[in-house]
């Protein structure tokens, strides 16, 4: 029991926790509060959930929020494996970094509506296209070995979402109906993208399992 208490309150662990988790979180919280208060936001507008402020259902924007979670999950898995995984090659490590970068860009864009409000959408879409093509060309063989269909299918769905967004003003349908397809393509694309990222992150492990099974046979 005494040893357990010593392990819990180990000075080295305590210092690392405070330096690498508590301090960064506290700084982000404090700086965000200061900046937004200086932009004339009220404290409750900063710290309370939007649904609470508007007295609306917690499920307001449900699918949009889940879609952002999918991008954030992809980024977290990719960056975590990039940093800690036992990777076979530097190329594999580079692919994970690019997958994480692509995912976090889309997560930030989705959450803050960057291409709708702050940056010309063609610039954002062009950046995503260049990054996706660069990944495919540079890591083509590796992507094909892991699951080429998942990568291409996710990319196609996301491209369809972007294409629908670009031509929606010229379509003879209601805006809400068009949005069902645009957001549907994006949501399913994000889900497929997450699946591909998981495959890339676990590729080394699945290879080792496959080799062990072959040896047993």
N, C-alpha and C. Protein backbone atom coordinates (compact mmCIF):
# COMPACT_ATOMS: atom_id res chain seq x y z
N UNK A 1 0.83 -1.21 0.00
CA UNK A 1 0.00 0.00 0.00
C UNK A 1 0.86 1.26 0.00
N UNK A 2 1.90 1.23 0.85
CA UNK A 2 2.81 2.37 0.95
C UNK A 2 3.55 2.59 -0.36
N UNK A 3 3.94 1.47 -1.00
CA UNK A 3 4.63 1.57 -2.29
C UNK A 3 3.72 2.16 -3.37
N UNK A 4 2.43 1.78 -3.32
CA UNK A 4 1.47 2.32 -4.28
C UNK A 4 1.33 3.83 -4.13
N UNK A 5 1.29 4.28 -2.88
CA UNK A 5 1.18 5.72 -2.62
C UNK A 5 2.42 6.44 -3.11
N UNK A 6 3.59 5.84 -2.88
CA UNK A 6 4.84 6.44 -3.36
C UNK A 6 4.86 6.53 -4.87
N UNK A 7 4.33 5.49 -5.54
CA UNK A 7 4.30 5.50 -7.01
C UNK A 7 3.36 6.58 -7.53
N UNK A 8 2.23 6.75 -6.83
CA UNK A 8 1.27 7.77 -7.25
C UNK A 8 1.87 9.17 -7.13
N UNK A 9 2.55 9.39 -6.01
CA UNK A 9 3.10 10.73 -5.75
C UNK A 9 4.61 10.79 -6.03
N UNK A 10 5.03 10.03 -7.01
CA UNK A 10 6.41 10.07 -7.46
C UNK A 10 6.73 11.46 -8.02
N UNK A 11 7.78 12.09 -7.51
CA UNK A 11 8.10 13.48 -7.88
C UNK A 11 8.30 13.64 -9.38
N UNK A 12 9.00 12.72 -10.00
CA UNK A 12 9.26 12.80 -11.43
C UNK A 12 7.96 12.74 -12.24
N UNK A 13 7.07 11.82 -11.86
CA UNK A 13 5.78 11.70 -12.55
C UNK A 13 4.92 12.94 -12.35
N UNK A 14 4.94 13.48 -11.14
CA UNK A 14 4.17 14.66 -10.83
C UNK A 14 4.64 15.87 -11.65
N UNK A 15 5.95 16.05 -11.71
CA UNK A 15 6.52 17.18 -12.46
C UNK A 15 6.20 17.06 -13.94
N UNK A 16 6.35 15.85 -14.49
CA UNK A 16 6.07 15.64 -15.93
C UNK A 16 4.60 15.88 -16.24
N UNK A 17 3.72 15.42 -15.36
CA UNK A 17 2.28 15.63 -15.57
C UNK A 17 1.94 17.11 -15.58
N UNK A 18 2.49 17.83 -14.62
CA UNK A 18 2.20 19.27 -14.53
C UNK A 18 2.79 20.03 -15.71
N UNK A 19 4.03 19.68 -16.10
CA UNK A 19 4.69 20.40 -17.19
C UNK A 19 4.08 20.11 -18.55
N UNK A 20 3.76 18.84 -18.80
CA UNK A 20 3.31 18.45 -20.14
C UNK A 20 1.80 18.38 -20.32
N UNK A 21 1.04 18.47 -19.22
CA UNK A 21 -0.43 18.40 -19.34
C UNK A 21 -1.11 19.59 -18.67
N UNK A 22 -0.84 19.77 -17.39
CA UNK A 22 -1.56 20.80 -16.64
C UNK A 22 -1.23 22.21 -17.12
N UNK A 23 0.06 22.52 -17.23
CA UNK A 23 0.48 23.88 -17.62
C UNK A 23 -0.01 24.24 -19.03
N UNK A 24 0.19 23.37 -20.05
CA UNK A 24 -0.32 23.72 -21.38
C UNK A 24 -1.83 23.94 -21.40
N UNK A 25 -2.57 23.08 -20.69
CA UNK A 25 -4.04 23.23 -20.64
C UNK A 25 -4.42 24.54 -19.96
N UNK A 26 -3.74 24.85 -18.86
CA UNK A 26 -4.03 26.09 -18.13
C UNK A 26 -3.70 27.32 -18.97
N UNK A 27 -2.56 27.28 -19.68
CA UNK A 27 -2.18 28.40 -20.54
C UNK A 27 -3.19 28.62 -21.66
N UNK A 28 -3.61 27.50 -22.29
CA UNK A 28 -4.59 27.61 -23.37
C UNK A 28 -5.89 28.20 -22.86
N UNK A 29 -6.33 27.72 -21.70
CA UNK A 29 -7.56 28.22 -21.09
C UNK A 29 -7.46 29.71 -20.79
N UNK A 30 -6.37 30.12 -20.15
CA UNK A 30 -6.20 31.51 -19.73
C UNK A 30 -6.05 32.45 -20.93
N UNK A 31 -5.21 32.06 -21.89
CA UNK A 31 -5.00 32.90 -23.07
C UNK A 31 -6.28 33.04 -23.88
N UNK A 32 -7.02 31.93 -24.03
CA UNK A 32 -8.29 31.98 -24.76
C UNK A 32 -9.27 32.93 -24.08
N UNK A 33 -9.36 32.85 -22.77
CA UNK A 33 -10.25 33.74 -22.02
C UNK A 33 -9.87 35.20 -22.24
N UNK A 34 -8.58 35.50 -22.12
CA UNK A 34 -8.10 36.88 -22.24
C UNK A 34 -8.36 37.44 -23.64
N UNK A 35 -8.00 36.65 -24.65
CA UNK A 35 -8.17 37.10 -26.03
C UNK A 35 -9.64 37.34 -26.35
N UNK A 36 -10.51 36.41 -25.98
CA UNK A 36 -11.92 36.52 -26.34
C UNK A 36 -12.63 37.60 -25.53
N UNK A 37 -12.22 37.80 -24.28
CA UNK A 37 -12.79 38.90 -23.49
C UNK A 37 -12.42 40.24 -24.12
N UNK A 38 -11.19 40.32 -24.62
CA UNK A 38 -10.75 41.54 -25.30
C UNK A 38 -11.47 41.76 -26.63
N UNK A 39 -12.09 40.68 -27.15
CA UNK A 39 -12.89 40.79 -28.37
C UNK A 39 -14.37 41.01 -28.04
N UNK A 40 -14.63 41.40 -26.78
CA UNK A 40 -15.98 41.75 -26.30
C UNK A 40 -16.92 40.57 -26.13
N UNK A 41 -16.37 39.38 -25.97
CA UNK A 41 -17.21 38.24 -25.63
C UNK A 41 -17.41 38.22 -24.11
N UNK A 42 -18.61 37.84 -23.68
CA UNK A 42 -18.87 37.71 -22.26
C UNK A 42 -18.33 36.36 -21.77
N UNK A 43 -18.03 36.31 -20.49
CA UNK A 43 -17.44 35.09 -19.93
C UNK A 43 -18.32 33.87 -20.18
N UNK A 44 -19.62 33.99 -19.96
CA UNK A 44 -20.51 32.85 -20.15
C UNK A 44 -20.61 32.44 -21.62
N UNK A 45 -20.39 33.39 -22.53
CA UNK A 45 -20.39 33.06 -23.95
C UNK A 45 -19.17 32.25 -24.33
N UNK A 46 -18.11 32.40 -23.55
CA UNK A 46 -16.85 31.70 -23.84
C UNK A 46 -16.85 30.29 -23.27
N UNK A 47 -17.35 30.16 -22.05
CA UNK A 47 -17.17 28.89 -21.34
C UNK A 47 -18.37 27.95 -21.43
N UNK A 48 -19.54 28.47 -21.79
CA UNK A 48 -20.72 27.61 -21.85
C UNK A 48 -20.96 27.08 -23.25
N UNK A 49 -21.50 25.88 -23.33
CA UNK A 49 -21.82 25.26 -24.62
C UNK A 49 -22.88 26.09 -25.34
N UNK A 50 -22.78 26.08 -26.68
CA UNK A 50 -23.70 26.86 -27.51
C UNK A 50 -25.16 26.50 -27.24
N UNK A 51 -25.45 25.20 -27.13
CA UNK A 51 -26.82 24.75 -26.91
C UNK A 51 -27.37 25.28 -25.58
N UNK A 52 -26.50 25.36 -24.56
CA UNK A 52 -26.91 25.90 -23.27
C UNK A 52 -27.24 27.38 -23.38
N UNK A 53 -26.38 28.11 -24.10
CA UNK A 53 -26.58 29.55 -24.24
C UNK A 53 -27.88 29.87 -24.96
N UNK A 54 -28.19 29.07 -25.97
CA UNK A 54 -29.37 29.32 -26.78
C UNK A 54 -30.61 28.59 -26.26
N UNK A 55 -30.41 27.83 -25.17
CA UNK A 55 -31.50 27.03 -24.59
C UNK A 55 -32.11 26.11 -25.64
N UNK A 56 -31.21 25.45 -26.37
CA UNK A 56 -31.64 24.52 -27.43
C UNK A 56 -31.27 23.09 -27.04
N UNK A 57 -31.73 22.16 -27.84
CA UNK A 57 -31.42 20.75 -27.59
C UNK A 57 -29.92 20.50 -27.72
N UNK A 58 -29.42 19.58 -26.92
CA UNK A 58 -28.00 19.20 -26.99
C UNK A 58 -27.66 18.52 -28.31
N UNK A 59 -28.68 18.08 -29.03
CA UNK A 59 -28.46 17.39 -30.30
C UNK A 59 -28.46 18.35 -31.49
N UNK A 60 -28.51 19.65 -31.23
CA UNK A 60 -28.45 20.64 -32.31
C UNK A 60 -27.11 20.50 -33.03
N UNK A 61 -27.16 20.28 -34.35
CA UNK A 61 -25.93 20.10 -35.12
C UNK A 61 -25.23 18.78 -34.83
N UNK A 62 -26.03 17.79 -34.44
CA UNK A 62 -25.47 16.49 -34.02
C UNK A 62 -24.52 15.87 -35.03
N UNK A 63 -24.96 15.72 -36.28
CA UNK A 63 -24.13 15.05 -37.28
C UNK A 63 -22.88 15.87 -37.61
N UNK A 64 -23.02 17.18 -37.60
CA UNK A 64 -21.87 18.04 -37.85
C UNK A 64 -20.81 17.85 -36.77
N UNK A 65 -21.26 17.77 -35.51
CA UNK A 65 -20.33 17.57 -34.39
C UNK A 65 -19.64 16.22 -34.47
N UNK A 66 -20.41 15.17 -34.77
CA UNK A 66 -19.83 13.83 -34.89
C UNK A 66 -18.83 13.79 -36.03
N UNK A 67 -19.14 14.49 -37.13
CA UNK A 67 -18.21 14.55 -38.26
C UNK A 67 -16.88 15.15 -37.85
N UNK A 68 -16.91 16.19 -37.03
CA UNK A 68 -15.67 16.79 -36.54
C UNK A 68 -14.92 15.81 -35.66
N UNK A 69 -15.66 15.05 -34.84
CA UNK A 69 -15.01 14.03 -34.02
C UNK A 69 -14.26 13.01 -34.87
N UNK A 70 -14.83 12.65 -36.01
CA UNK A 70 -14.19 11.68 -36.90
C UNK A 70 -12.83 12.21 -37.38
N UNK A 71 -12.80 13.49 -37.76
CA UNK A 71 -11.53 14.08 -38.21
C UNK A 71 -10.53 14.15 -37.07
N UNK A 72 -10.99 14.58 -35.90
CA UNK A 72 -10.10 14.69 -34.74
C UNK A 72 -9.58 13.30 -34.34
N UNK A 73 -10.42 12.29 -34.40
CA UNK A 73 -10.00 10.92 -34.09
C UNK A 73 -8.93 10.45 -35.06
N UNK A 74 -9.13 10.73 -36.33
CA UNK A 74 -8.13 10.36 -37.34
C UNK A 74 -6.79 11.03 -37.06
N UNK A 75 -6.83 12.33 -36.75
CA UNK A 75 -5.61 13.07 -36.47
C UNK A 75 -4.92 12.52 -35.23
N UNK A 76 -5.69 12.25 -34.18
CA UNK A 76 -5.12 11.76 -32.92
C UNK A 76 -4.43 10.40 -33.13
N UNK A 77 -5.09 9.51 -33.84
CA UNK A 77 -4.52 8.18 -34.09
C UNK A 77 -3.25 8.28 -34.93
N UNK A 78 -3.30 9.10 -35.97
CA UNK A 78 -2.15 9.24 -36.87
C UNK A 78 -0.95 9.85 -36.14
N UNK A 79 -1.15 10.93 -35.42
CA UNK A 79 -0.05 11.60 -34.73
C UNK A 79 0.49 10.76 -33.57
N UNK A 80 -0.41 10.07 -32.87
CA UNK A 80 0.03 9.23 -31.75
C UNK A 80 0.93 8.10 -32.27
N UNK A 81 0.50 7.44 -33.33
CA UNK A 81 1.29 6.35 -33.90
C UNK A 81 2.59 6.88 -34.49
N UNK A 82 2.53 8.05 -35.12
CA UNK A 82 3.73 8.69 -35.66
C UNK A 82 4.77 8.91 -34.57
N UNK A 83 4.30 9.28 -33.40
CA UNK A 83 5.21 9.61 -32.30
C UNK A 83 5.67 8.39 -31.52
N UNK A 84 4.80 7.39 -31.35
CA UNK A 84 5.12 6.29 -30.44
C UNK A 84 5.21 4.91 -31.09
N UNK A 85 4.69 4.77 -32.31
CA UNK A 85 4.61 3.44 -32.91
C UNK A 85 5.95 2.89 -33.37
N UNK A 86 6.04 1.56 -33.38
CA UNK A 86 7.22 0.88 -33.93
C UNK A 86 7.01 0.74 -35.43
N UNK A 87 7.49 1.72 -36.17
CA UNK A 87 7.21 1.79 -37.60
C UNK A 87 8.33 1.14 -38.41
N UNK A 88 7.92 0.51 -39.48
CA UNK A 88 8.87 -0.26 -40.29
C UNK A 88 9.82 0.64 -41.06
N UNK A 89 9.31 1.71 -41.63
CA UNK A 89 10.13 2.60 -42.45
C UNK A 89 9.81 4.06 -42.16
N UNK A 90 10.73 4.94 -42.59
CA UNK A 90 10.50 6.38 -42.47
C UNK A 90 9.34 6.81 -43.36
N UNK A 91 9.15 6.11 -44.48
CA UNK A 91 8.03 6.43 -45.38
C UNK A 91 6.69 6.22 -44.67
N UNK A 92 6.61 5.13 -43.92
CA UNK A 92 5.39 4.85 -43.17
C UNK A 92 5.14 5.97 -42.15
N UNK A 93 6.20 6.39 -41.51
CA UNK A 93 6.11 7.46 -40.52
C UNK A 93 5.67 8.77 -41.18
N UNK A 94 6.22 9.03 -42.34
CA UNK A 94 5.86 10.25 -43.08
C UNK A 94 4.39 10.21 -43.52
N UNK A 95 3.94 9.05 -43.96
CA UNK A 95 2.54 8.92 -44.38
C UNK A 95 1.60 9.19 -43.20
N UNK A 96 1.93 8.68 -42.04
CA UNK A 96 1.11 8.93 -40.85
C UNK A 96 1.06 10.42 -40.51
N UNK A 97 2.20 11.08 -40.64
CA UNK A 97 2.23 12.53 -40.36
C UNK A 97 1.34 13.29 -41.33
N UNK A 98 1.41 12.93 -42.61
CA UNK A 98 0.60 13.60 -43.62
C UNK A 98 -0.90 13.32 -43.40
N UNK A 99 -1.22 12.09 -43.02
CA UNK A 99 -2.61 11.74 -42.72
C UNK A 99 -3.12 12.56 -41.53
N UNK A 100 -2.28 12.70 -40.51
CA UNK A 100 -2.65 13.49 -39.35
C UNK A 100 -2.83 14.96 -39.70
N UNK A 101 -1.91 15.49 -40.51
CA UNK A 101 -1.99 16.89 -40.93
C UNK A 101 -3.26 17.15 -41.73
N UNK A 102 -3.55 16.28 -42.67
CA UNK A 102 -4.75 16.41 -43.50
C UNK A 102 -6.00 16.37 -42.63
N UNK A 103 -6.02 15.45 -41.67
CA UNK A 103 -7.18 15.27 -40.80
C UNK A 103 -7.41 16.48 -39.90
N UNK A 104 -6.33 17.01 -39.32
CA UNK A 104 -6.50 18.14 -38.40
C UNK A 104 -6.89 19.40 -39.15
N UNK A 105 -6.42 19.56 -40.38
CA UNK A 105 -6.83 20.70 -41.19
C UNK A 105 -8.34 20.67 -41.45
N UNK A 106 -8.84 19.49 -41.78
CA UNK A 106 -10.27 19.35 -42.05
C UNK A 106 -11.09 19.50 -40.76
N UNK A 107 -10.54 19.04 -39.64
CA UNK A 107 -11.23 19.18 -38.36
C UNK A 107 -11.39 20.66 -38.00
N UNK A 108 -10.31 21.42 -38.14
CA UNK A 108 -10.34 22.85 -37.82
C UNK A 108 -11.28 23.59 -38.79
N UNK A 109 -11.20 23.24 -40.06
CA UNK A 109 -12.07 23.86 -41.07
C UNK A 109 -13.53 23.59 -40.73
N UNK A 110 -13.84 22.34 -40.41
CA UNK A 110 -15.22 21.96 -40.08
C UNK A 110 -15.73 22.69 -38.84
N UNK A 111 -14.91 22.71 -37.80
CA UNK A 111 -15.35 23.25 -36.52
C UNK A 111 -15.53 24.77 -36.56
N UNK A 112 -14.58 25.45 -37.19
CA UNK A 112 -14.63 26.92 -37.22
C UNK A 112 -15.21 27.47 -38.53
N UNK A 113 -15.62 26.56 -39.44
CA UNK A 113 -16.19 26.95 -40.73
C UNK A 113 -15.25 27.90 -41.48
N UNK A 114 -13.98 27.49 -41.56
CA UNK A 114 -12.94 28.33 -42.15
C UNK A 114 -13.25 28.69 -43.59
N UNK A 115 -13.59 27.66 -44.40
CA UNK A 115 -13.81 27.94 -45.84
C UNK A 115 -15.12 28.67 -46.10
N UNK A 116 -15.99 28.73 -45.10
CA UNK A 116 -17.26 29.46 -45.26
C UNK A 116 -17.14 30.92 -44.86
N UNK A 117 -16.22 31.22 -43.91
CA UNK A 117 -16.22 32.55 -43.33
C UNK A 117 -14.89 33.31 -43.40
N UNK A 118 -13.77 32.59 -43.46
CA UNK A 118 -12.49 33.28 -43.27
C UNK A 118 -11.55 33.22 -44.47
N UNK A 119 -11.49 32.09 -45.13
CA UNK A 119 -10.58 31.91 -46.26
C UNK A 119 -11.38 31.49 -47.49
N UNK A 120 -11.05 32.04 -48.61
CA UNK A 120 -11.73 31.69 -49.87
C UNK A 120 -11.77 30.17 -50.01
N UNK A 121 -12.97 29.64 -50.25
CA UNK A 121 -13.13 28.19 -50.27
C UNK A 121 -12.28 27.50 -51.32
N UNK A 122 -12.05 28.16 -52.46
CA UNK A 122 -11.23 27.54 -53.51
C UNK A 122 -9.78 27.34 -53.04
N UNK A 123 -9.31 28.25 -52.18
CA UNK A 123 -7.96 28.10 -51.62
C UNK A 123 -7.91 26.89 -50.70
N UNK A 124 -8.92 26.76 -49.84
CA UNK A 124 -8.98 25.61 -48.93
C UNK A 124 -9.11 24.31 -49.71
N UNK A 125 -10.04 24.27 -50.65
CA UNK A 125 -10.25 23.06 -51.43
C UNK A 125 -9.00 22.70 -52.24
N UNK A 126 -8.35 23.71 -52.79
CA UNK A 126 -7.13 23.48 -53.56
C UNK A 126 -6.03 22.90 -52.69
N UNK A 127 -5.92 23.40 -51.46
CA UNK A 127 -4.92 22.89 -50.52
C UNK A 127 -5.17 21.43 -50.20
N UNK A 128 -6.43 21.09 -49.94
CA UNK A 128 -6.76 19.70 -49.62
C UNK A 128 -6.46 18.78 -50.81
N UNK A 129 -6.78 19.25 -52.00
CA UNK A 129 -6.57 18.45 -53.20
C UNK A 129 -5.07 18.19 -53.41
N UNK A 130 -4.26 19.24 -53.28
CA UNK A 130 -2.81 19.10 -53.46
C UNK A 130 -2.23 18.14 -52.44
N UNK A 131 -2.65 18.28 -51.19
CA UNK A 131 -2.14 17.41 -50.12
C UNK A 131 -2.54 15.96 -50.35
N UNK A 132 -3.77 15.73 -50.76
CA UNK A 132 -4.25 14.36 -50.99
C UNK A 132 -3.51 13.72 -52.17
N UNK A 133 -3.34 14.48 -53.25
CA UNK A 133 -2.63 13.96 -54.43
C UNK A 133 -1.17 13.70 -54.10
N UNK A 134 -0.56 14.60 -53.32
CA UNK A 134 0.84 14.43 -52.92
C UNK A 134 1.01 13.15 -52.11
N UNK A 135 0.08 12.89 -51.20
CA UNK A 135 0.13 11.65 -50.41
C UNK A 135 0.03 10.43 -51.31
N UNK A 136 -0.91 10.49 -52.25
CA UNK A 136 -1.14 9.35 -53.13
C UNK A 136 0.07 9.07 -54.02
N UNK A 137 0.65 10.11 -54.59
CA UNK A 137 1.79 9.94 -55.49
C UNK A 137 3.04 9.49 -54.75
N UNK A 138 3.30 10.11 -53.60
CA UNK A 138 4.52 9.80 -52.87
C UNK A 138 4.46 8.44 -52.17
N UNK A 139 3.26 8.05 -51.75
CA UNK A 139 3.12 6.81 -50.99
C UNK A 139 2.19 5.82 -51.68
N UNK A 140 2.16 5.87 -52.99
CA UNK A 140 1.22 5.07 -53.77
C UNK A 140 1.32 3.58 -53.43
N UNK A 141 2.52 3.02 -53.49
CA UNK A 141 2.68 1.58 -53.27
C UNK A 141 2.28 1.19 -51.84
N UNK A 142 2.68 2.02 -50.90
CA UNK A 142 2.37 1.73 -49.50
C UNK A 142 0.87 1.78 -49.26
N UNK A 143 0.20 2.77 -49.85
CA UNK A 143 -1.25 2.90 -49.71
C UNK A 143 -1.96 1.70 -50.33
N UNK A 144 -1.48 1.28 -51.50
CA UNK A 144 -2.08 0.12 -52.17
C UNK A 144 -1.89 -1.15 -51.34
N UNK A 145 -0.71 -1.30 -50.74
CA UNK A 145 -0.44 -2.48 -49.92
C UNK A 145 -1.35 -2.53 -48.69
N UNK A 146 -1.66 -1.38 -48.12
CA UNK A 146 -2.47 -1.33 -46.91
C UNK A 146 -3.95 -1.50 -47.24
N UNK A 147 -4.48 -0.58 -48.03
CA UNK A 147 -5.86 -0.68 -48.52
C UNK A 147 -6.11 0.48 -49.48
N UNK A 148 -5.73 0.29 -50.72
CA UNK A 148 -5.86 1.34 -51.72
C UNK A 148 -7.30 1.76 -51.94
N UNK A 149 -8.22 0.79 -51.87
CA UNK A 149 -9.63 1.12 -52.11
C UNK A 149 -10.15 2.08 -51.04
N UNK A 150 -9.82 1.84 -49.77
CA UNK A 150 -10.30 2.70 -48.68
C UNK A 150 -9.83 4.13 -48.88
N UNK A 151 -8.56 4.31 -49.27
CA UNK A 151 -8.02 5.66 -49.49
C UNK A 151 -8.74 6.34 -50.65
N UNK A 152 -8.86 5.63 -51.78
CA UNK A 152 -9.49 6.22 -52.96
C UNK A 152 -10.98 6.46 -52.75
N UNK A 153 -11.64 5.56 -52.05
CA UNK A 153 -13.08 5.71 -51.81
C UNK A 153 -13.35 6.91 -50.89
N UNK A 154 -12.53 7.04 -49.84
CA UNK A 154 -12.68 8.18 -48.93
C UNK A 154 -12.43 9.48 -49.69
N UNK A 155 -11.38 9.48 -50.52
CA UNK A 155 -11.06 10.67 -51.31
C UNK A 155 -12.16 11.02 -52.29
N UNK A 156 -12.76 10.00 -52.91
CA UNK A 156 -13.85 10.23 -53.86
C UNK A 156 -15.07 10.83 -53.18
N UNK A 157 -15.41 10.32 -52.01
CA UNK A 157 -16.56 10.84 -51.27
C UNK A 157 -16.34 12.29 -50.86
N UNK A 158 -15.14 12.60 -50.41
CA UNK A 158 -14.83 13.98 -50.02
C UNK A 158 -14.84 14.90 -51.24
N UNK A 159 -14.34 14.39 -52.36
CA UNK A 159 -14.35 15.17 -53.59
C UNK A 159 -15.79 15.44 -54.04
N UNK A 160 -16.66 14.45 -53.89
CA UNK A 160 -18.07 14.63 -54.24
C UNK A 160 -18.73 15.68 -53.36
N UNK A 161 -18.34 15.71 -52.09
CA UNK A 161 -18.86 16.73 -51.18
C UNK A 161 -18.45 18.13 -51.63
N UNK A 162 -17.18 18.26 -51.98
CA UNK A 162 -16.67 19.55 -52.44
C UNK A 162 -17.32 19.95 -53.77
N UNK A 163 -17.44 19.00 -54.67
CA UNK A 163 -18.04 19.27 -55.98
C UNK A 163 -19.50 19.72 -55.82
N UNK A 164 -20.23 19.04 -54.92
CA UNK A 164 -21.62 19.42 -54.67
C UNK A 164 -21.71 20.83 -54.11
N UNK A 165 -20.78 21.18 -53.24
CA UNK A 165 -20.75 22.51 -52.66
C UNK A 165 -20.50 23.58 -53.72
N UNK A 166 -19.61 23.26 -54.66
CA UNK A 166 -19.24 24.24 -55.68
C UNK A 166 -20.36 24.48 -56.71
N UNK A 167 -21.18 23.46 -56.97
CA UNK A 167 -22.21 23.61 -58.01
C UNK A 167 -23.62 23.76 -57.45
N UNK A 168 -23.75 23.86 -56.12
CA UNK A 168 -25.09 23.86 -55.52
C UNK A 168 -25.98 25.02 -55.99
N UNK A 169 -25.37 26.16 -56.32
CA UNK A 169 -26.17 27.31 -56.78
C UNK A 169 -26.75 27.10 -58.17
N UNK A 170 -26.23 26.11 -58.88
CA UNK A 170 -26.69 25.85 -60.24
C UNK A 170 -27.61 24.63 -60.34
N UNK A 171 -27.89 24.02 -59.19
CA UNK A 171 -28.74 22.83 -59.19
C UNK A 171 -30.20 23.21 -58.94
N UNK A 172 -31.13 22.58 -59.65
CA UNK A 172 -32.55 22.92 -59.52
C UNK A 172 -33.24 22.21 -58.35
N UNK A 173 -32.58 22.22 -57.18
CA UNK A 173 -33.13 21.56 -56.01
C UNK A 173 -33.08 22.50 -54.81
N UNK A 174 -33.86 22.19 -53.79
CA UNK A 174 -33.84 22.99 -52.59
C UNK A 174 -32.47 22.88 -51.91
N UNK A 175 -32.09 23.98 -51.25
CA UNK A 175 -30.80 24.02 -50.57
C UNK A 175 -30.69 22.91 -49.53
N UNK A 176 -31.76 22.68 -48.77
CA UNK A 176 -31.73 21.66 -47.73
C UNK A 176 -31.52 20.26 -48.31
N UNK A 177 -32.11 20.01 -49.49
CA UNK A 177 -31.94 18.70 -50.12
C UNK A 177 -30.52 18.50 -50.61
N UNK A 178 -29.94 19.57 -51.16
CA UNK A 178 -28.55 19.51 -51.63
C UNK A 178 -27.61 19.27 -50.46
N UNK A 179 -27.91 19.93 -49.32
CA UNK A 179 -27.07 19.79 -48.14
C UNK A 179 -27.07 18.37 -47.60
N UNK A 180 -28.19 17.67 -47.74
CA UNK A 180 -28.25 16.28 -47.29
C UNK A 180 -27.18 15.46 -48.01
N UNK A 181 -27.03 15.68 -49.31
CA UNK A 181 -26.05 14.93 -50.09
C UNK A 181 -24.63 15.43 -49.82
N UNK A 182 -24.47 16.76 -49.79
CA UNK A 182 -23.13 17.31 -49.56
C UNK A 182 -22.56 16.86 -48.22
N UNK A 183 -23.36 17.03 -47.16
CA UNK A 183 -22.90 16.64 -45.83
C UNK A 183 -22.82 15.12 -45.68
N UNK A 184 -23.69 14.41 -46.40
CA UNK A 184 -23.64 12.95 -46.38
C UNK A 184 -22.35 12.42 -46.97
N UNK A 185 -21.97 12.97 -48.14
CA UNK A 185 -20.70 12.58 -48.76
C UNK A 185 -19.54 12.84 -47.80
N UNK A 186 -19.55 14.01 -47.17
CA UNK A 186 -18.45 14.39 -46.27
C UNK A 186 -18.41 13.49 -45.03
N UNK A 187 -19.57 13.22 -44.45
CA UNK A 187 -19.63 12.42 -43.23
C UNK A 187 -19.14 10.99 -43.49
N UNK A 188 -19.68 10.36 -44.54
CA UNK A 188 -19.28 8.99 -44.87
C UNK A 188 -17.82 8.95 -45.29
N UNK A 189 -17.38 10.01 -46.00
CA UNK A 189 -15.97 10.11 -46.37
C UNK A 189 -15.07 10.19 -45.16
N UNK A 190 -15.50 10.97 -44.15
CA UNK A 190 -14.71 11.09 -42.92
C UNK A 190 -14.63 9.76 -42.18
N UNK A 191 -15.75 9.02 -42.17
CA UNK A 191 -15.77 7.71 -41.53
C UNK A 191 -14.84 6.73 -42.24
N UNK A 192 -14.85 6.76 -43.56
CA UNK A 192 -13.98 5.88 -44.34
C UNK A 192 -12.52 6.28 -44.17
N UNK A 193 -12.28 7.58 -44.08
CA UNK A 193 -10.93 8.10 -43.87
C UNK A 193 -10.38 7.62 -42.51
N UNK A 194 -11.23 7.66 -41.48
CA UNK A 194 -10.84 7.17 -40.16
C UNK A 194 -10.47 5.69 -40.23
N UNK A 195 -11.25 4.92 -40.96
CA UNK A 195 -10.96 3.50 -41.12
C UNK A 195 -9.60 3.29 -41.77
N UNK A 196 -9.28 4.07 -42.80
CA UNK A 196 -7.99 3.95 -43.48
C UNK A 196 -6.85 4.33 -42.54
N UNK A 197 -7.02 5.40 -41.77
CA UNK A 197 -5.98 5.83 -40.83
C UNK A 197 -5.70 4.73 -39.81
N UNK A 198 -6.76 4.09 -39.31
CA UNK A 198 -6.59 2.99 -38.36
C UNK A 198 -5.80 1.85 -39.01
N UNK A 199 -6.09 1.56 -40.26
CA UNK A 199 -5.35 0.50 -40.97
C UNK A 199 -3.88 0.85 -41.10
N UNK A 200 -3.57 2.10 -41.42
CA UNK A 200 -2.18 2.54 -41.55
C UNK A 200 -1.48 2.47 -40.19
N UNK A 201 -2.18 2.93 -39.15
CA UNK A 201 -1.59 2.95 -37.81
C UNK A 201 -1.30 1.54 -37.29
N UNK A 202 -2.14 0.57 -37.67
CA UNK A 202 -1.99 -0.80 -37.16
C UNK A 202 -1.29 -1.72 -38.16
N UNK A 203 -0.79 -1.18 -39.24
CA UNK A 203 -0.23 -2.00 -40.32
C UNK A 203 0.94 -2.85 -39.85
N UNK A 204 1.84 -2.26 -39.09
CA UNK A 204 3.00 -2.97 -38.56
C UNK A 204 2.55 -4.14 -37.68
N UNK A 205 1.56 -3.88 -36.84
CA UNK A 205 1.07 -4.90 -35.91
C UNK A 205 0.38 -6.04 -36.66
N UNK A 206 -0.43 -5.70 -37.65
CA UNK A 206 -1.14 -6.74 -38.40
C UNK A 206 -0.16 -7.59 -39.21
N UNK A 207 0.92 -6.96 -39.68
CA UNK A 207 1.94 -7.72 -40.41
C UNK A 207 2.58 -8.77 -39.50
N UNK A 208 2.91 -8.33 -38.28
CA UNK A 208 3.55 -9.23 -37.32
C UNK A 208 2.63 -10.40 -36.97
N UNK A 209 1.34 -10.12 -36.79
CA UNK A 209 0.37 -11.17 -36.47
C UNK A 209 0.26 -12.16 -37.62
N UNK A 210 0.23 -11.63 -38.86
CA UNK A 210 0.13 -12.49 -40.05
C UNK A 210 1.35 -13.41 -40.16
N UNK A 211 2.53 -12.86 -39.88
CA UNK A 211 3.75 -13.67 -39.96
C UNK A 211 3.75 -14.78 -38.93
N UNK A 212 3.26 -14.47 -37.71
CA UNK A 212 3.20 -15.48 -36.65
C UNK A 212 2.25 -16.61 -37.03
N UNK A 213 1.11 -16.23 -37.64
CA UNK A 213 0.13 -17.25 -38.06
C UNK A 213 0.72 -18.16 -39.13
N UNK A 214 1.49 -17.57 -40.07
CA UNK A 214 2.10 -18.37 -41.13
C UNK A 214 3.13 -19.33 -40.57
N UNK A 215 3.89 -18.87 -39.56
CA UNK A 215 4.89 -19.74 -38.93
C UNK A 215 4.25 -20.93 -38.23
N UNK A 216 3.10 -20.68 -37.60
CA UNK A 216 2.40 -21.74 -36.88
C UNK A 216 1.89 -22.81 -37.84
N UNK A 217 1.48 -22.37 -39.05
CA UNK A 217 1.01 -23.33 -40.06
C UNK A 217 2.15 -24.15 -40.61
